[in-house]
Amino acid sequence: MTSTRLPAQARATLCAITLIDRRTGRPHRVNGAALVALSRDPDTAAAELLAGRDPRVWTARIQPVPTSTRP
């Protein structure tokens, strides 16, 4: 049996990236749901979410997604 190694990016931690309104500190909502992107490359995902947006108004919050729900 051969083992295949995943690329470094695939082994990276899954993160949730949320677009935050700096004026309110609250997440941006679309149809009532917070806009959240999941990515193993959070810096690139955050840059894409912030593209074309005023940096004085918007920021991105990056949080790792837990790999287990056990205490």
PDB file of N, CA and C in Angstrom:
ATOM      1  N   MET A   1       0.844  -1.169   0.000  1.00  0.00           N
ATOM      2  CA  MET A   1       0.000   0.000   0.000  1.00  0.00           C
ATOM      3  C   MET A   1       0.893   1.237   0.000  1.00  0.00           C
ATOM      4  N   THR A   2       0.578   2.181  -0.846  1.00  0.00           N
ATOM      5  CA  THR A   2       1.362   3.411  -0.898  1.00  0.00           C
ATOM      6  C   THR A   2       0.600   4.513  -0.185  1.00  0.00           C
ATOM      7  N   SER A   3       1.340   5.392   0.435  1.00  0.00           N
ATOM      8  CA  SER A   3       0.692   6.533   1.083  1.00  0.00           C
ATOM      9  C   SER A   3       0.985   7.776   0.254  1.00  0.00           C
ATOM     10  N   THR A   4       0.000   8.630   0.161  1.00  0.00           N
ATOM     11  CA  THR A   4       0.193   9.885  -0.553  1.00  0.00           C
ATOM     12  C   THR A   4       0.160  11.013   0.453  1.00  0.00           C
ATOM     13  N   ARG A   5       1.077  11.888   0.314  1.00  0.00           N
ATOM     14  CA  ARG A   5       1.131  13.052   1.201  1.00  0.00           C
ATOM     15  C   ARG A   5       0.309  14.169   0.586  1.00  0.00           C
ATOM     16  N   LEU A   6      -0.476  14.801   1.430  1.00  0.00           N
ATOM     17  CA  LEU A   6      -1.259  15.939   0.978  1.00  0.00           C
ATOM     18  C   LEU A   6      -0.355  17.156   0.863  1.00  0.00           C
ATOM     19  N   PRO A   7      -0.665  18.064  -0.063  1.00  0.00           N
ATOM     20  CA  PRO A   7       0.112  19.304  -0.130  1.00  0.00           C
ATOM     21  C   PRO A   7      -0.029  20.069   1.195  1.00  0.00           C
ATOM     22  N   ALA A   8       0.938  20.911   1.479  1.00  0.00           N
ATOM     23  CA  ALA A   8       0.939  21.667   2.737  1.00  0.00           C
ATOM     24  C   ALA A   8      -0.351  22.448   2.917  1.00  0.00           C
ATOM     25  N   GLN A   9      -0.880  23.022   1.854  1.00  0.00           N
ATOM     26  CA  GLN A   9      -2.102  23.812   1.958  1.00  0.00           C
ATOM     27  C   GLN A   9      -3.275  22.931   2.398  1.00  0.00           C
ATOM     28  N   ALA A  10      -3.353  21.713   1.928  1.00  0.00           N
ATOM     29  CA  ALA A  10      -4.447  20.815   2.291  1.00  0.00           C
ATOM     30  C   ALA A  10      -4.340  20.375   3.742  1.00  0.00           C
ATOM     31  N   ARG A  11      -3.144  20.355   4.285  1.00  0.00           N
ATOM     32  CA  ARG A  11      -2.956  19.980   5.684  1.00  0.00           C
ATOM     33  C   ARG A  11      -3.189  21.154   6.619  1.00  0.00           C
ATOM     34  N   ALA A  12      -3.270  22.354   6.089  1.00  0.00           N
ATOM     35  CA  ALA A  12      -3.419  23.548   6.910  1.00  0.00           C
ATOM     36  C   ALA A  12      -4.762  23.529   7.641  1.00  0.00           C
ATOM     37  N   THR A  13      -4.826  24.277   8.703  1.00  0.00           N
ATOM     38  CA  THR A  13      -6.026  24.371   9.515  1.00  0.00           C
ATOM     39  C   THR A  13      -7.146  25.066   8.762  1.00  0.00           C
ATOM     40  N   LEU A  14      -8.331  24.513   8.864  1.00  0.00           N
ATOM     41  CA  LEU A  14      -9.515  25.137   8.271  1.00  0.00           C
ATOM     42  C   LEU A  14      -9.890  26.342   9.121  1.00  0.00           C
ATOM     43  N   CYS A  15     -10.145  27.472   8.463  1.00  0.00           N
ATOM     44  CA  CYS A  15     -10.489  28.703   9.173  1.00  0.00           C
ATOM     45  C   CYS A  15     -11.797  29.279   8.651  1.00  0.00           C
ATOM     46  N   ALA A  16     -12.482  29.985   9.538  1.00  0.00           N
ATOM     47  CA  ALA A  16     -13.680  30.736   9.171  1.00  0.00           C
ATOM     48  C   ALA A  16     -13.270  32.198   9.056  1.00  0.00           C
ATOM     49  N   ILE A  17     -13.605  32.816   7.933  1.00  0.00           N
ATOM     50  CA  ILE A  17     -13.278  34.219   7.703  1.00  0.00           C
ATOM     51  C   ILE A  17     -14.590  34.987   7.632  1.00  0.00           C
ATOM     52  N   THR A  18     -14.735  35.973   8.518  1.00  0.00           N
ATOM     53  CA  THR A  18     -15.970  36.743   8.614  1.00  0.00           C
ATOM     54  C   THR A  18     -15.675  38.197   8.266  1.00  0.00           C
ATOM     55  N   LEU A  19     -16.511  38.779   7.441  1.00  0.00           N
ATOM     56  CA  LEU A  19     -16.395  40.188   7.073  1.00  0.00           C
ATOM     57  C   LEU A  19     -17.046  41.009   8.187  1.00  0.00           C
ATOM     58  N   ILE A  20     -16.297  41.945   8.784  1.00  0.00           N
ATOM     59  CA  ILE A  20     -16.761  42.720   9.934  1.00  0.00           C
ATOM     60  C   ILE A  20     -16.844  44.207   9.579  1.00  0.00           C
ATOM     61  N   ASP A  21     -17.963  44.832   9.958  1.00  0.00           N
ATOM     62  CA  ASP A  21     -18.148  46.274   9.795  1.00  0.00           C
ATOM     63  C   ASP A  21     -17.464  46.946  10.980  1.00  0.00           C
ATOM     64  N   ARG A  22     -16.420  47.717  10.730  1.00  0.00           N
ATOM     65  CA  ARG A  22     -15.660  48.376  11.802  1.00  0.00           C
ATOM     66  C   ARG A  22     -16.508  49.361  12.596  1.00  0.00           C
ATOM     67  N   ARG A  23     -17.523  49.948  11.956  1.00  0.00           N
ATOM     68  CA  ARG A  23     -18.349  50.953  12.636  1.00  0.00           C
ATOM     69  C   ARG A  23     -19.194  50.336  13.742  1.00  0.00           C
ATOM     70  N   THR A  24     -19.646  49.102  13.535  1.00  0.00           N
ATOM     71  CA  THR A  24     -20.532  48.456  14.504  1.00  0.00           C
ATOM     72  C   THR A  24     -19.868  47.290  15.232  1.00  0.00           C
ATOM     73  N   GLY A  25     -18.810  46.723  14.631  1.00  0.00           N
ATOM     74  CA  GLY A  25     -18.176  45.543  15.192  1.00  0.00           C
ATOM     75  C   GLY A  25     -18.951  44.271  14.903  1.00  0.00           C
ATOM     76  N   ARG A  26     -19.964  44.372  14.058  1.00  0.00           N
ATOM     77  CA  ARG A  26     -20.813  43.220  13.741  1.00  0.00           C
ATOM     78  C   ARG A  26     -20.481  42.659  12.366  1.00  0.00           C
ATOM     79  N   PRO A  27     -20.781  41.375  12.172  1.00  0.00           N
ATOM     80  CA  PRO A  27     -20.529  40.773  10.857  1.00  0.00           C
ATOM     81  C   PRO A  27     -21.489  41.309   9.802  1.00  0.00           C
ATOM     82  N   HIS A  28     -20.995  41.344   8.577  1.00  0.00           N
ATOM     83  CA  HIS A  28     -21.827  41.711   7.434  1.00  0.00           C
ATOM     84  C   HIS A  28     -22.840  40.596   7.217  1.00  0.00           C
ATOM     85  N   ARG A  29     -24.082  40.959   6.952  1.00  0.00           N
ATOM     86  CA  ARG A  29     -25.141  39.955   6.781  1.00  0.00           C
ATOM     87  C   ARG A  29     -25.718  40.035   5.378  1.00  0.00           C
ATOM     88  N   VAL A  30     -26.028  38.865   4.843  1.00  0.00           N
ATOM     89  CA  VAL A  30     -26.681  38.745   3.536  1.00  0.00           C
ATOM     90  C   VAL A  30     -27.958  37.945   3.774  1.00  0.00           C
ATOM     91  N   ASN A  31     -29.111  38.568   3.517  1.00  0.00           N
ATOM     92  CA  ASN A  31     -30.407  37.939   3.786  1.00  0.00           C
ATOM     93  C   ASN A  31     -30.508  37.438   5.221  1.00  0.00           C
ATOM     94  N   GLY A  32     -29.945  38.184   6.162  1.00  0.00           N
ATOM     95  CA  GLY A  32     -30.036  37.854   7.577  1.00  0.00           C
ATOM     96  C   GLY A  32     -28.957  36.932   8.112  1.00  0.00           C
ATOM     97  N   ALA A  33     -28.189  36.305   7.233  1.00  0.00           N
ATOM     98  CA  ALA A  33     -27.137  35.383   7.665  1.00  0.00           C
ATOM     99  C   ALA A  33     -25.772  36.062   7.559  1.00  0.00           C
ATOM    100  N   ALA A  34     -24.934  35.836   8.574  1.00  0.00           N
ATOM    101  CA  ALA A  34     -23.584  36.409   8.558  1.00  0.00           C
ATOM    102  C   ALA A  34     -22.793  35.836   7.385  1.00  0.00           C
ATOM    103  N   LEU A  35     -22.054  36.701   6.699  1.00  0.00           N
ATOM    104  CA  LEU A  35     -21.210  36.277   5.586  1.00  0.00           C
ATOM    105  C   LEU A  35     -19.934  35.666   6.148  1.00  0.00           C
ATOM    106  N   VAL A  36     -19.768  34.359   5.958  1.00  0.00           N
ATOM    107  CA  VAL A  36     -18.607  33.628   6.465  1.00  0.00           C
ATOM    108  C   VAL A  36     -18.065  32.759   5.338  1.00  0.00           C
ATOM    109  N   ALA A  37     -16.755  32.813   5.135  1.00  0.00           N
ATOM    110  CA  ALA A  37     -16.095  31.947   4.154  1.00  0.00           C
ATOM    111  C   ALA A  37     -15.219  30.960   4.916  1.00  0.00           C
ATOM    112  N   LEU A  38     -15.146  29.738   4.428  1.00  0.00           N
ATOM    113  CA  LEU A  38     -14.267  28.731   5.011  1.00  0.00           C
ATOM    114  C   LEU A  38     -13.102  28.514   4.062  1.00  0.00           C
ATOM    115  N   SER A  39     -11.893  28.459   4.631  1.00  0.00           N
ATOM    116  CA  SER A  39     -10.717  28.318   3.779  1.00  0.00           C
ATOM    117  C   SER A  39      -9.553  27.733   4.554  1.00  0.00           C
ATOM    118  N   ARG A  40      -8.685  27.037   3.832  1.00  0.00           N
ATOM    119  CA  ARG A  40      -7.418  26.586   4.412  1.00  0.00           C
ATOM    120  C   ARG A  40      -6.304  27.582   4.085  1.00  0.00           C
ATOM    121  N   ASP A  41      -6.641  28.625   3.347  1.00  0.00           N
ATOM    122  CA  ASP A  41      -5.714  29.715   3.036  1.00  0.00           C
ATOM    123  C   ASP A  41      -6.401  31.018   3.451  1.00  0.00           C
ATOM    124  N   PRO A  42      -6.471  31.280   4.758  1.00  0.00           N
ATOM    125  CA  PRO A  42      -7.275  32.396   5.243  1.00  0.00           C
ATOM    126  C   PRO A  42      -6.817  33.777   4.793  1.00  0.00           C
ATOM    127  N   ASP A  43      -5.532  33.980   4.604  1.00  0.00           N
ATOM    128  CA  ASP A  43      -5.060  35.302   4.171  1.00  0.00           C
ATOM    129  C   ASP A  43      -5.578  35.631   2.778  1.00  0.00           C
ATOM    130  N   THR A  44      -5.534  34.656   1.879  1.00  0.00           N
ATOM    131  CA  THR A  44      -6.037  34.876   0.525  1.00  0.00           C
ATOM    132  C   THR A  44      -7.554  35.073   0.538  1.00  0.00           C
ATOM    133  N   ALA A  45      -8.258  34.267   1.320  1.00  0.00           N
ATOM    134  CA  ALA A  45      -9.712  34.386   1.403  1.00  0.00           C
ATOM    135  C   ALA A  45     -10.110  35.749   1.972  1.00  0.00           C
ATOM    136  N   ALA A  46      -9.404  36.213   2.997  1.00  0.00           N
ATOM    137  CA  ALA A  46      -9.696  37.521   3.580  1.00  0.00           C
ATOM    138  C   ALA A  46      -9.452  38.624   2.554  1.00  0.00           C
ATOM    139  N   ALA A  47      -8.361  38.521   1.816  1.00  0.00           N
ATOM    140  CA  ALA A  47      -8.059  39.526   0.784  1.00  0.00           C
ATOM    141  C   ALA A  47      -9.157  39.557  -0.274  1.00  0.00           C
ATOM    142  N   GLU A  48      -9.663  38.387  -0.650  1.00  0.00           N
ATOM    143  CA  GLU A  48     -10.744  38.336  -1.639  1.00  0.00           C
ATOM    144  C   GLU A  48     -12.032  38.940  -1.088  1.00  0.00           C
ATOM    145  N   LEU A  49     -12.345  38.686   0.185  1.00  0.00           N
ATOM    146  CA  LEU A  49     -13.543  39.279   0.783  1.00  0.00           C
ATOM    147  C   LEU A  49     -13.432  40.799   0.882  1.00  0.00           C
ATOM    148  N   LEU A  50     -12.231  41.286   1.116  1.00  0.00           N
ATOM    149  CA  LEU A  50     -12.032  42.722   1.293  1.00  0.00           C
ATOM    150  C   LEU A  50     -11.790  43.470  -0.023  1.00  0.00           C
ATOM    151  N   ALA A  51     -11.580  42.752  -1.115  1.00  0.00           N
ATOM    152  CA  ALA A  51     -11.297  43.388  -2.410  1.00  0.00           C
ATOM    153  C   ALA A  51     -12.441  44.325  -2.811  1.00  0.00           C
ATOM    154  N   GLY A  52     -12.080  45.553  -3.127  1.00  0.00           N
ATOM    155  CA  GLY A  52     -13.056  46.537  -3.581  1.00  0.00           C
ATOM    156  C   GLY A  52     -13.845  47.183  -2.448  1.00  0.00           C
ATOM    157  N   ARG A  53     -13.534  46.850  -1.209  1.00  0.00           N
ATOM    158  CA  ARG A  53     -14.240  47.434  -0.065  1.00  0.00           C
ATOM    159  C   ARG A  53     -13.348  48.472   0.615  1.00  0.00           C
ATOM    160  N   ASP A  54     -13.974  49.464   1.214  1.00  0.00           N
ATOM    161  CA  ASP A  54     -13.250  50.527   1.908  1.00  0.00           C
ATOM    162  C   ASP A  54     -12.613  49.947   3.182  1.00  0.00           C
ATOM    163  N   PRO A  55     -11.280  49.945   3.287  1.00  0.00           N
ATOM    164  CA  PRO A  55     -10.615  49.378   4.465  1.00  0.00           C
ATOM    165  C   PRO A  55     -10.885  50.167   5.747  1.00  0.00           C
ATOM    166  N   ARG A  56     -11.388  51.384   5.628  1.00  0.00           N
ATOM    167  CA  ARG A  56     -11.746  52.143   6.826  1.00  0.00           C
ATOM    168  C   ARG A  56     -13.047  51.634   7.422  1.00  0.00           C
ATOM    169  N   VAL A  57     -13.843  50.937   6.618  1.00  0.00           N
ATOM    170  CA  VAL A  57     -15.142  50.444   7.057  1.00  0.00           C
ATOM    171  C   VAL A  57     -15.130  48.943   7.332  1.00  0.00           C
ATOM    172  N   TRP A  58     -14.346  48.187   6.558  1.00  0.00           N
ATOM    173  CA  TRP A  58     -14.393  46.723   6.630  1.00  0.00           C
ATOM    174  C   TRP A  58     -13.084  46.112   7.093  1.00  0.00           C
ATOM    175  N   THR A  59     -13.200  45.030   7.837  1.00  0.00           N
ATOM    176  CA  THR A  59     -12.061  44.218   8.234  1.00  0.00           C
ATOM    177  C   THR A  59     -12.495  42.757   8.164  1.00  0.00           C
ATOM    178  N   ALA A  60     -11.546  41.867   8.230  1.00  0.00           N
ATOM    179  CA  ALA A  60     -11.852  40.439   8.210  1.00  0.00           C
ATOM    180  C   ALA A  60     -11.379  39.817   9.517  1.00  0.00           C
ATOM    181  N   ARG A  61     -12.218  38.968  10.088  1.00  0.00           N
ATOM    182  CA  ARG A  61     -11.867  38.227  11.298  1.00  0.00           C
ATOM    183  C   ARG A  61     -11.596  36.785  10.887  1.00  0.00           C
ATOM    184  N   ILE A  62     -10.436  36.284  11.278  1.00  0.00           N
ATOM    185  CA  ILE A  62     -10.046  34.911  10.939  1.00  0.00           C
ATOM    186  C   ILE A  62     -10.018  34.092  12.220  1.00  0.00           C
ATOM    187  N   GLN A  63     -10.771  32.982  12.227  1.00  0.00           N
ATOM    188  CA  GLN A  63     -10.815  32.106  13.390  1.00  0.00           C
ATOM    189  C   GLN A  63     -10.653  30.668  12.941  1.00  0.00           C
ATOM    190  N   PRO A  64      -9.795  29.892  13.606  1.00  0.00           N
ATOM    191  CA  PRO A  64      -9.665  28.482  13.260  1.00  0.00           C
ATOM    192  C   PRO A  64     -10.959  27.736  13.605  1.00  0.00           C
ATOM    193  N   VAL A  65     -11.317  26.790  12.756  1.00  0.00           N
ATOM    194  CA  VAL A  65     -12.491  25.951  13.009  1.00  0.00           C
ATOM    195  C   VAL A  65     -12.022  24.769  13.837  1.00  0.00           C
ATOM    196  N   PRO A  66     -12.691  24.481  14.957  1.00  0.00           N
ATOM    197  CA  PRO A  66     -12.273  23.350  15.789  1.00  0.00           C
ATOM    198  C   PRO A  66     -12.348  22.050  14.992  1.00  0.00           C
ATOM    199  N   THR A  67     -11.367  21.178  15.199  1.00  0.00           N
ATOM    200  CA  THR A  67     -11.354  19.893  14.486  1.00  0.00           C
ATOM    201  C   THR A  67     -12.146  18.838  15.227  1.00  0.00           C
ATOM    202  N   SER A  68     -12.484  19.105  16.477  1.00  0.00           N
ATOM    203  CA  SER A  68     -13.234  18.151  17.280  1.00  0.00           C
ATOM    204  C   SER A  68     -14.205  18.894  18.175  1.00  0.00           C
ATOM    205  N   THR A  69     -15.327  18.279  18.437  1.00  0.00           N
ATOM    206  CA  THR A  69     -16.297  18.915  19.344  1.00  0.00           C
ATOM    207  C   THR A  69     -16.251  18.294  20.725  1.00  0.00           C
ATOM    208  N   ARG A  70     -15.325  17.394  20.932  1.00  0.00           N
ATOM    209  CA  ARG A  70     -15.183  16.771  22.257  1.00  0.00           C
ATOM    210  C   ARG A  70     -14.567  17.753  23.241  1.00  0.00           C
ATOM    211  N   PRO A  71     -14.991  17.674  24.517  1.00  0.00           N
ATOM    212  CA  PRO A  71     -14.413  18.578  25.530  1.00  0.00           C
ATOM    213  C   PRO A  71     -12.984  18.239  25.859  1.00  0.00           C
TER     214      PRO A  71
END
